[in-house]
Amino acid sequence: MTDPIKPSNLEIEMKMMAERAAGKALPPNLKALTERHIERVLTLVDTMRSAGVDESLVRHSVREIIDSYEKELVDALTRIAEGNE
């Protein structure tokens, strides 16, 4: 059986990912990006659990959102580094 995902752990993981990528002085637009993805993940977890979806599928779906977040974060940091944002 797959252990249930804890929403607080997801939030911590995503905030730590942003901090590792951009340092403690995360620009406001990236803070907003982080918060938006955290909300998406938490909403997805609640919705899927309410619908009785198996925890392994919940985990897979969360992983897809976190991967999407990481890509958006890297893209945003690249634009910042290139002076395009």
Protein backbone atom coordinates (compact mmCIF):
# COMPACT_ATOMS: atom_id res chain seq x y z
CA MET A 1 0.00 0.00 0.00
CA THR A 2 1.21 3.50 -0.82
CA ASP A 3 1.49 5.93 2.08
CA PRO A 4 -0.82 8.93 1.82
CA ILE A 5 0.71 12.22 0.72
CA LYS A 6 0.77 14.84 3.45
CA PRO A 7 -0.20 18.31 2.16
CA SER A 8 2.21 20.02 4.55
CA ASN A 9 5.10 17.96 3.14
CA LEU A 10 4.16 18.93 -0.42
CA GLU A 11 4.13 22.60 0.45
CA ILE A 12 7.50 22.36 2.20
CA GLU A 13 9.02 20.37 -0.69
CA MET A 14 7.92 22.89 -3.32
CA LYS A 15 9.06 25.90 -1.32
CA MET A 16 12.44 24.24 -0.73
CA MET A 17 12.74 23.50 -4.46
CA ALA A 18 12.17 27.17 -5.24
CA GLU A 19 14.68 28.25 -2.62
CA ARG A 20 17.31 25.81 -3.94
CA ALA A 21 16.79 27.10 -7.46
CA ALA A 22 16.70 30.83 -6.73
CA GLY A 23 18.09 31.30 -3.26
CA LYS A 24 16.38 32.95 -0.33
CA ALA A 25 15.67 36.15 -2.27
CA LEU A 26 13.07 34.58 -4.53
CA PRO A 27 11.60 37.26 -6.81
CA PRO A 28 7.90 38.07 -6.20
CA ASN A 29 6.78 36.60 -9.54
CA LEU A 30 8.45 33.30 -8.63
CA LYS A 31 6.91 33.34 -5.17
CA ALA A 32 3.53 33.70 -6.90
CA LEU A 33 4.43 30.81 -9.23
CA THR A 34 5.29 28.67 -6.22
CA GLU A 35 2.08 29.54 -4.40
CA ARG A 36 0.00 28.84 -7.52
CA HIS A 37 1.51 25.39 -7.95
CA ILE A 38 1.14 24.58 -4.26
CA GLU A 39 -2.56 25.42 -4.48
CA ARG A 40 -2.92 23.26 -7.60
CA VAL A 41 -1.27 20.31 -5.89
CA LEU A 42 -3.31 20.62 -2.69
CA THR A 43 -6.56 20.99 -4.64
CA LEU A 44 -5.71 18.01 -6.81
CA VAL A 45 -4.95 15.82 -3.80
CA ASP A 46 -8.20 16.77 -2.06
CA THR A 47 -10.29 16.28 -5.20
CA MET A 48 -8.77 12.93 -6.06
CA ARG A 49 -9.11 11.61 -2.52
CA SER A 50 -12.72 12.80 -2.33
CA ALA A 51 -13.38 10.86 -5.53
CA GLY A 52 -11.84 7.71 -4.04
CA VAL A 53 -8.85 7.63 -6.37
CA ASP A 54 -6.11 5.17 -5.43
CA GLU A 55 -3.20 6.79 -3.59
CA SER A 56 -0.66 5.57 -6.17
CA LEU A 57 -2.52 7.52 -8.88
CA VAL A 58 -2.69 10.54 -6.57
CA ARG A 59 1.10 10.36 -6.15
CA HIS A 60 1.62 10.03 -9.91
CA SER A 61 -0.55 13.07 -10.60
CA VAL A 62 1.24 15.10 -7.93
CA ARG A 63 4.59 14.17 -9.46
CA GLU A 64 3.39 15.48 -12.84
CA ILE A 65 2.40 18.83 -11.32
CA ILE A 66 5.70 19.13 -9.44
CA ASP A 67 7.60 18.35 -12.65
CA SER A 68 5.59 21.07 -14.41
CA TYR A 69 6.39 23.49 -11.60
CA GLU A 70 10.08 22.70 -11.84
CA LYS A 71 10.06 23.34 -15.60
CA GLU A 72 8.26 26.67 -15.18
CA LEU A 73 10.66 27.68 -12.40
CA VAL A 74 13.73 26.86 -14.49
CA ASP A 75 12.25 28.71 -17.49
CA ALA A 76 11.53 31.78 -15.34
CA LEU A 77 15.02 31.75 -13.83
CA THR A 78 16.54 31.43 -17.30
CA ARG A 79 14.58 34.47 -18.52
CA ILE A 80 15.69 36.43 -15.45
CA ALA A 81 19.32 35.45 -16.00
CA GLU A 82 19.08 36.52 -19.64
CA GLY A 83 17.52 39.85 -18.62
CA ASN A 84 14.23 39.08 -20.30
CA GLU A 85 12.11 39.51 -17.21
